[in-house]
Amino acid sequence: MTTGRLSALAGLVLILASAWSFPTYAVNPDEVLSDPVLEARAREISKGLRCLVCQNQSIDDSDAGLAKDLRVLVRERLVSGDSNDAVVEFVVARYGDFVLLKPPFNISTIALWLGPAAIAGGGLIAVFVFFRRRRIIVAGGPQSTPPPEPLSDDEKRRLDKILGGDEA
């Protein structure tokens, strides 16, 4: 391989390596529990709780102050002996279902679960209606314009004269 190709390959490898993202966690070392089993439970719970500031990150991934407070709260509840479900119920009782990254399907979250499907369905119906109307117009349906009348003999002679045909 030539030097130019090697440098191009090395550049490509660097670009791909920098584009590859590894999960980073915002958990500070002072938050980590000394018991690895409790820490693993805390991480599992934190992955399912939404950062109320960032909204599209779990509290495990967020650097926001409120996310840190929630991580500490989760760990405190686990150290005090709560089960994973009890910790989640405690946080939901304080912040509502919105704090869950995967909220339950109930009457208050029905728009959240069915809204995207309704929007997609409405879009498909709009596309169908658009192309259906367009096909009717193109195919000569009731909304199309009538075809032009054929040229008269006089118009044909004038057209031939303009186009340089027979001179009559």
C-alpha atoms as a PDB file:
ATOM      1  CA  MET A   1       0.000   0.000   0.000  1.00  0.00           C
ATOM      2  CA  THR A   2       1.118   3.496  -0.684  1.00  0.00           C
ATOM      3  CA  THR A   3       1.607   6.103   1.987  1.00  0.00           C
ATOM      4  CA  GLY A   4      -1.397   8.061   0.721  1.00  0.00           C
ATOM      5  CA  ARG A   5      -3.671   5.052   1.002  1.00  0.00           C
ATOM      6  CA  LEU A   6      -2.376   4.222   4.468  1.00  0.00           C
ATOM      7  CA  SER A   7      -3.039   7.746   5.704  1.00  0.00           C
ATOM      8  CA  ALA A   8      -6.501   7.718   4.132  1.00  0.00           C
ATOM      9  CA  LEU A   9      -7.244   4.368   5.795  1.00  0.00           C
ATOM     10  CA  ALA A  10      -5.939   5.656   9.132  1.00  0.00           C
ATOM     11  CA  GLY A  11      -8.113   8.764   8.768  1.00  0.00           C
ATOM     12  CA  LEU A  12     -11.160   6.619   8.018  1.00  0.00           C
ATOM     13  CA  VAL A  13     -10.458   4.434  11.045  1.00  0.00           C
ATOM     14  CA  LEU A  14     -10.168   7.537  13.253  1.00  0.00           C
ATOM     15  CA  ILE A  15     -13.438   8.953  11.937  1.00  0.00           C
ATOM     16  CA  LEU A  16     -15.268   5.665  12.490  1.00  0.00           C
ATOM     17  CA  ALA A  17     -13.763   5.264  15.962  1.00  0.00           C
ATOM     18  CA  SER A  18     -14.827   8.773  16.954  1.00  0.00           C
ATOM     19  CA  ALA A  19     -18.322   8.206  15.575  1.00  0.00           C
ATOM     20  CA  TRP A  20     -18.737   5.052  17.618  1.00  0.00           C
ATOM     21  CA  SER A  21     -20.383   6.027  20.863  1.00  0.00           C
ATOM     22  CA  PHE A  22     -19.897   4.191  24.068  1.00  0.00           C
ATOM     23  CA  PRO A  23     -22.396   4.594  26.877  1.00  0.00           C
ATOM     24  CA  THR A  24     -21.279   7.160  29.374  1.00  0.00           C
ATOM     25  CA  TYR A  25     -22.852   7.436  32.749  1.00  0.00           C
ATOM     26  CA  ALA A  26     -23.205  10.586  34.757  1.00  0.00           C
ATOM     27  CA  VAL A  27     -23.012   8.780  38.071  1.00  0.00           C
ATOM     28  CA  ASN A  28     -20.340  10.448  40.167  1.00  0.00           C
ATOM     29  CA  PRO A  29     -17.929   8.307  42.181  1.00  0.00           C
ATOM     30  CA  ASP A  30     -19.285   9.710  45.441  1.00  0.00           C
ATOM     31  CA  GLU A  31     -22.773   8.386  44.536  1.00  0.00           C
ATOM     32  CA  VAL A  32     -21.659   4.792  43.941  1.00  0.00           C
ATOM     33  CA  LEU A  33     -22.687   2.374  46.663  1.00  0.00           C
ATOM     34  CA  SER A  34     -20.035   0.147  48.257  1.00  0.00           C
ATOM     35  CA  ASP A  35     -22.290  -2.916  47.905  1.00  0.00           C
ATOM     36  CA  PRO A  36     -22.044  -4.040  44.238  1.00  0.00           C
ATOM     37  CA  VAL A  37     -25.439  -5.796  44.368  1.00  0.00           C
ATOM     38  CA  LEU A  38     -27.204  -2.658  45.592  1.00  0.00           C
ATOM     39  CA  GLU A  39     -25.291  -0.554  43.049  1.00  0.00           C
ATOM     40  CA  ALA A  40     -26.401  -2.870  40.232  1.00  0.00           C
ATOM     41  CA  ARG A  41     -30.017  -2.563  41.423  1.00  0.00           C
ATOM     42  CA  ALA A  42     -29.667   1.224  41.586  1.00  0.00           C
ATOM     43  CA  ARG A  43     -28.312   1.320  38.034  1.00  0.00           C
ATOM     44  CA  GLU A  44     -31.159  -0.860  36.799  1.00  0.00           C
ATOM     45  CA  ILE A  45     -33.764   1.405  38.419  1.00  0.00           C
ATOM     46  CA  SER A  46     -32.002   4.563  37.194  1.00  0.00           C
ATOM     47  CA  LYS A  47     -32.083   3.361  33.583  1.00  0.00           C
ATOM     48  CA  GLY A  48     -35.898   3.336  33.690  1.00  0.00           C
ATOM     49  CA  LEU A  49     -36.352   6.791  35.255  1.00  0.00           C
ATOM     50  CA  ARG A  50     -36.485   9.905  33.069  1.00  0.00           C
ATOM     51  CA  CYS A  51     -34.462  12.992  33.843  1.00  0.00           C
ATOM     52  CA  LEU A  52     -37.103  15.671  34.335  1.00  0.00           C
ATOM     53  CA  VAL A  53     -34.714  18.352  33.056  1.00  0.00           C
ATOM     54  CA  CYS A  54     -33.322  16.577  29.967  1.00  0.00           C
ATOM     55  CA  GLN A  55     -36.504  14.544  29.310  1.00  0.00           C
ATOM     56  CA  ASN A  56     -34.911  12.210  26.766  1.00  0.00           C
ATOM     57  CA  GLN A  57     -32.261  10.751  29.043  1.00  0.00           C
ATOM     58  CA  SER A  58     -32.397   8.450  31.985  1.00  0.00           C
ATOM     59  CA  ILE A  59     -31.214   9.809  35.314  1.00  0.00           C
ATOM     60  CA  ASP A  60     -28.273   7.417  34.958  1.00  0.00           C
ATOM     61  CA  ASP A  61     -27.108   9.267  31.820  1.00  0.00           C
ATOM     62  CA  SER A  62     -27.922  12.843  32.820  1.00  0.00           C
ATOM     63  CA  ASP A  63     -25.611  15.422  34.390  1.00  0.00           C
ATOM     64  CA  ALA A  64     -28.500  17.616  35.583  1.00  0.00           C
ATOM     65  CA  GLY A  65     -28.711  18.441  39.271  1.00  0.00           C
ATOM     66  CA  LEU A  66     -32.210  17.001  39.613  1.00  0.00           C
ATOM     67  CA  ALA A  67     -31.026  13.738  38.048  1.00  0.00           C
ATOM     68  CA  LYS A  68     -28.233  13.572  40.626  1.00  0.00           C
ATOM     69  CA  ASP A  69     -30.769  14.160  43.416  1.00  0.00           C
ATOM     70  CA  LEU A  70     -32.953  11.347  42.047  1.00  0.00           C
ATOM     71  CA  ARG A  71     -29.954   8.982  41.785  1.00  0.00           C
ATOM     72  CA  VAL A  72     -29.075   9.724  45.410  1.00  0.00           C
ATOM     73  CA  LEU A  73     -32.725   9.248  46.434  1.00  0.00           C
ATOM     74  CA  VAL A  74     -32.871   5.855  44.670  1.00  0.00           C
ATOM     75  CA  ARG A  75     -29.702   4.730  46.438  1.00  0.00           C
ATOM     76  CA  GLU A  76     -30.943   5.960  49.825  1.00  0.00           C
ATOM     77  CA  ARG A  77     -34.199   4.021  49.410  1.00  0.00           C
ATOM     78  CA  LEU A  78     -32.309   0.868  48.422  1.00  0.00           C
ATOM     79  CA  VAL A  79     -29.953   1.158  51.412  1.00  0.00           C
ATOM     80  CA  SER A  80     -32.977   1.564  53.691  1.00  0.00           C
ATOM     81  CA  GLY A  81     -34.267  -1.812  52.436  1.00  0.00           C
ATOM     82  CA  ASP A  82     -36.877  -0.926  49.795  1.00  0.00           C
ATOM     83  CA  SER A  83     -37.453  -3.288  46.884  1.00  0.00           C
ATOM     84  CA  ASN A  84     -36.913  -2.094  43.304  1.00  0.00           C
ATOM     85  CA  ASP A  85     -40.678  -1.781  42.773  1.00  0.00           C
ATOM     86  CA  ALA A  86     -41.089   0.170  46.020  1.00  0.00           C
ATOM     87  CA  VAL A  87     -38.385   2.632  44.963  1.00  0.00           C
ATOM     88  CA  VAL A  88     -40.021   3.160  41.555  1.00  0.00           C
ATOM     89  CA  GLU A  89     -43.458   3.566  43.166  1.00  0.00           C
ATOM     90  CA  PHE A  90     -42.013   6.143  45.581  1.00  0.00           C
ATOM     91  CA  VAL A  91     -40.523   8.200  42.726  1.00  0.00           C
ATOM     92  CA  VAL A  92     -43.721   7.905  40.632  1.00  0.00           C
ATOM     93  CA  ALA A  93     -45.812   9.003  43.623  1.00  0.00           C
ATOM     94  CA  ARG A  94     -43.726  12.191  43.832  1.00  0.00           C
ATOM     95  CA  TYR A  95     -43.297  12.979  40.105  1.00  0.00           C
ATOM     96  CA  GLY A  96     -46.058  11.089  38.278  1.00  0.00           C
ATOM     97  CA  ASP A  97     -45.902   8.603  35.394  1.00  0.00           C
ATOM     98  CA  PHE A  98     -43.914  11.124  33.338  1.00  0.00           C
ATOM     99  CA  VAL A  99     -40.785  10.187  35.305  1.00  0.00           C
ATOM    100  CA  LEU A 100     -40.895   6.689  33.785  1.00  0.00           C
ATOM    101  CA  LEU A 101     -39.130   6.208  30.454  1.00  0.00           C
ATOM    102  CA  LYS A 102     -41.694   3.477  29.688  1.00  0.00           C
ATOM    103  CA  PRO A 103     -44.947   4.711  31.233  1.00  0.00           C
ATOM    104  CA  PRO A 104     -47.781   2.233  31.825  1.00  0.00           C
ATOM    105  CA  PHE A 105     -50.706   1.978  29.407  1.00  0.00           C
ATOM    106  CA  ASN A 106     -53.641   3.586  31.187  1.00  0.00           C
ATOM    107  CA  ILE A 107     -56.271   6.267  30.556  1.00  0.00           C
ATOM    108  CA  SER A 108     -53.924   9.143  31.413  1.00  0.00           C
ATOM    109  CA  THR A 109     -51.219   7.923  29.006  1.00  0.00           C
ATOM    110  CA  ILE A 110     -53.431   6.699  26.151  1.00  0.00           C
ATOM    111  CA  ALA A 111     -52.527   9.678  23.947  1.00  0.00           C
ATOM    112  CA  LEU A 112     -48.860   8.971  24.549  1.00  0.00           C
ATOM    113  CA  TRP A 113     -49.216   5.366  23.414  1.00  0.00           C
ATOM    114  CA  LEU A 114     -51.773   5.761  20.608  1.00  0.00           C
ATOM    115  CA  GLY A 115     -50.916   9.284  19.423  1.00  0.00           C
ATOM    116  CA  PRO A 116     -48.035   8.303  17.113  1.00  0.00           C
ATOM    117  CA  ALA A 117     -50.124   5.547  15.505  1.00  0.00           C
ATOM    118  CA  ALA A 118     -53.035   7.976  15.015  1.00  0.00           C
ATOM    119  CA  ILE A 119     -50.748  10.563  13.407  1.00  0.00           C
ATOM    120  CA  ALA A 120     -49.186   7.942  11.111  1.00  0.00           C
ATOM    121  CA  GLY A 121     -52.641   6.608  10.178  1.00  0.00           C
ATOM    122  CA  GLY A 122     -53.889  10.109   9.423  1.00  0.00           C
ATOM    123  CA  GLY A 123     -50.856  10.713   7.226  1.00  0.00           C
ATOM    124  CA  LEU A 124     -51.458   7.487   5.295  1.00  0.00           C
ATOM    125  CA  ILE A 125     -55.100   8.415   4.764  1.00  0.00           C
ATOM    126  CA  ALA A 126     -54.103  11.885   3.533  1.00  0.00           C
ATOM    127  CA  VAL A 127     -51.591  10.378   1.067  1.00  0.00           C
ATOM    128  CA  PHE A 128     -54.192   7.858  -0.145  1.00  0.00           C
ATOM    129  CA  VAL A 129     -56.820  10.572  -0.666  1.00  0.00           C
ATOM    130  CA  PHE A 130     -54.308  12.834  -2.427  1.00  0.00           C
ATOM    131  CA  PHE A 131     -53.238  10.171  -4.917  1.00  0.00           C
ATOM    132  CA  ARG A 132     -56.788   8.894  -5.359  1.00  0.00           C
ATOM    133  CA  ARG A 133     -57.985  12.376  -6.370  1.00  0.00           C
ATOM    134  CA  ARG A 134     -54.952  12.854  -8.587  1.00  0.00           C
ATOM    135  CA  ARG A 135     -55.621   9.560 -10.373  1.00  0.00           C
ATOM    136  CA  ILE A 136     -59.254  10.529 -11.020  1.00  0.00           C
ATOM    137  CA  ILE A 137     -58.158  13.819 -12.565  1.00  0.00           C
ATOM    138  CA  VAL A 138     -55.423  12.216 -14.700  1.00  0.00           C
ATOM    139  CA  ALA A 139     -57.611   9.284 -15.768  1.00  0.00           C
ATOM    140  CA  GLY A 140     -60.300  11.562 -17.203  1.00  0.00           C
ATOM    141  CA  GLY A 141     -62.716  11.480 -14.328  1.00  0.00           C
ATOM    142  CA  PRO A 142     -65.518  13.967 -13.752  1.00  0.00           C
ATOM    143  CA  GLN A 143     -63.131  16.709 -12.662  1.00  0.00           C
ATOM    144  CA  SER A 144     -60.926  16.599 -15.792  1.00  0.00           C
ATOM    145  CA  THR A 145     -61.166  19.031 -18.697  1.00  0.00           C
ATOM    146  CA  PRO A 146     -62.720  17.747 -21.931  1.00  0.00           C
ATOM    147  CA  PRO A 147     -60.360  16.860 -24.791  1.00  0.00           C
ATOM    148  CA  PRO A 148     -59.862  19.580 -27.434  1.00  0.00           C
ATOM    149  CA  GLU A 149     -61.995  19.516 -30.585  1.00  0.00           C
ATOM    150  CA  PRO A 150     -60.247  18.363 -33.767  1.00  0.00           C
ATOM    151  CA  LEU A 151     -58.873  21.031 -36.128  1.00  0.00           C
ATOM    152  CA  SER A 152     -61.079  22.258 -38.923  1.00  0.00           C
ATOM    153  CA  ASP A 153     -59.893  22.083 -42.569  1.00  0.00           C
ATOM    154  CA  ASP A 154     -59.166  25.813 -42.533  1.00  0.00           C
ATOM    155  CA  GLU A 155     -57.082  25.495 -39.343  1.00  0.00           C
ATOM    156  CA  LYS A 156     -55.148  22.552 -40.828  1.00  0.00           C
ATOM    157  CA  ARG A 157     -54.279  24.625 -43.946  1.00  0.00           C
ATOM    158  CA  ARG A 158     -53.128  27.563 -41.831  1.00  0.00           C
ATOM    159  CA  LEU A 159     -51.026  25.246 -39.648  1.00  0.00           C
ATOM    160  CA  ASP A 160     -49.394  23.665 -42.692  1.00  0.00           C
ATOM    161  CA  LYS A 161     -48.618  27.125 -44.038  1.00  0.00           C
ATOM    162  CA  ILE A 162     -47.035  28.180 -40.704  1.00  0.00           C
ATOM    163  CA  LEU A 163     -44.981  24.983 -40.478  1.00  0.00           C
ATOM    164  CA  GLY A 164     -43.778  25.375 -44.044  1.00  0.00           C
ATOM    165  CA  GLY A 165     -45.711  22.501 -45.532  1.00  0.00           C
ATOM    166  CA  ASP A 166     -47.784  22.571 -48.718  1.00  0.00           C
ATOM    167  CA  GLU A 167     -48.395  26.027 -50.017  1.00  0.00           C
ATOM    168  CA  ALA A 168     -51.879  26.107 -51.291  1.00  0.00           C
END
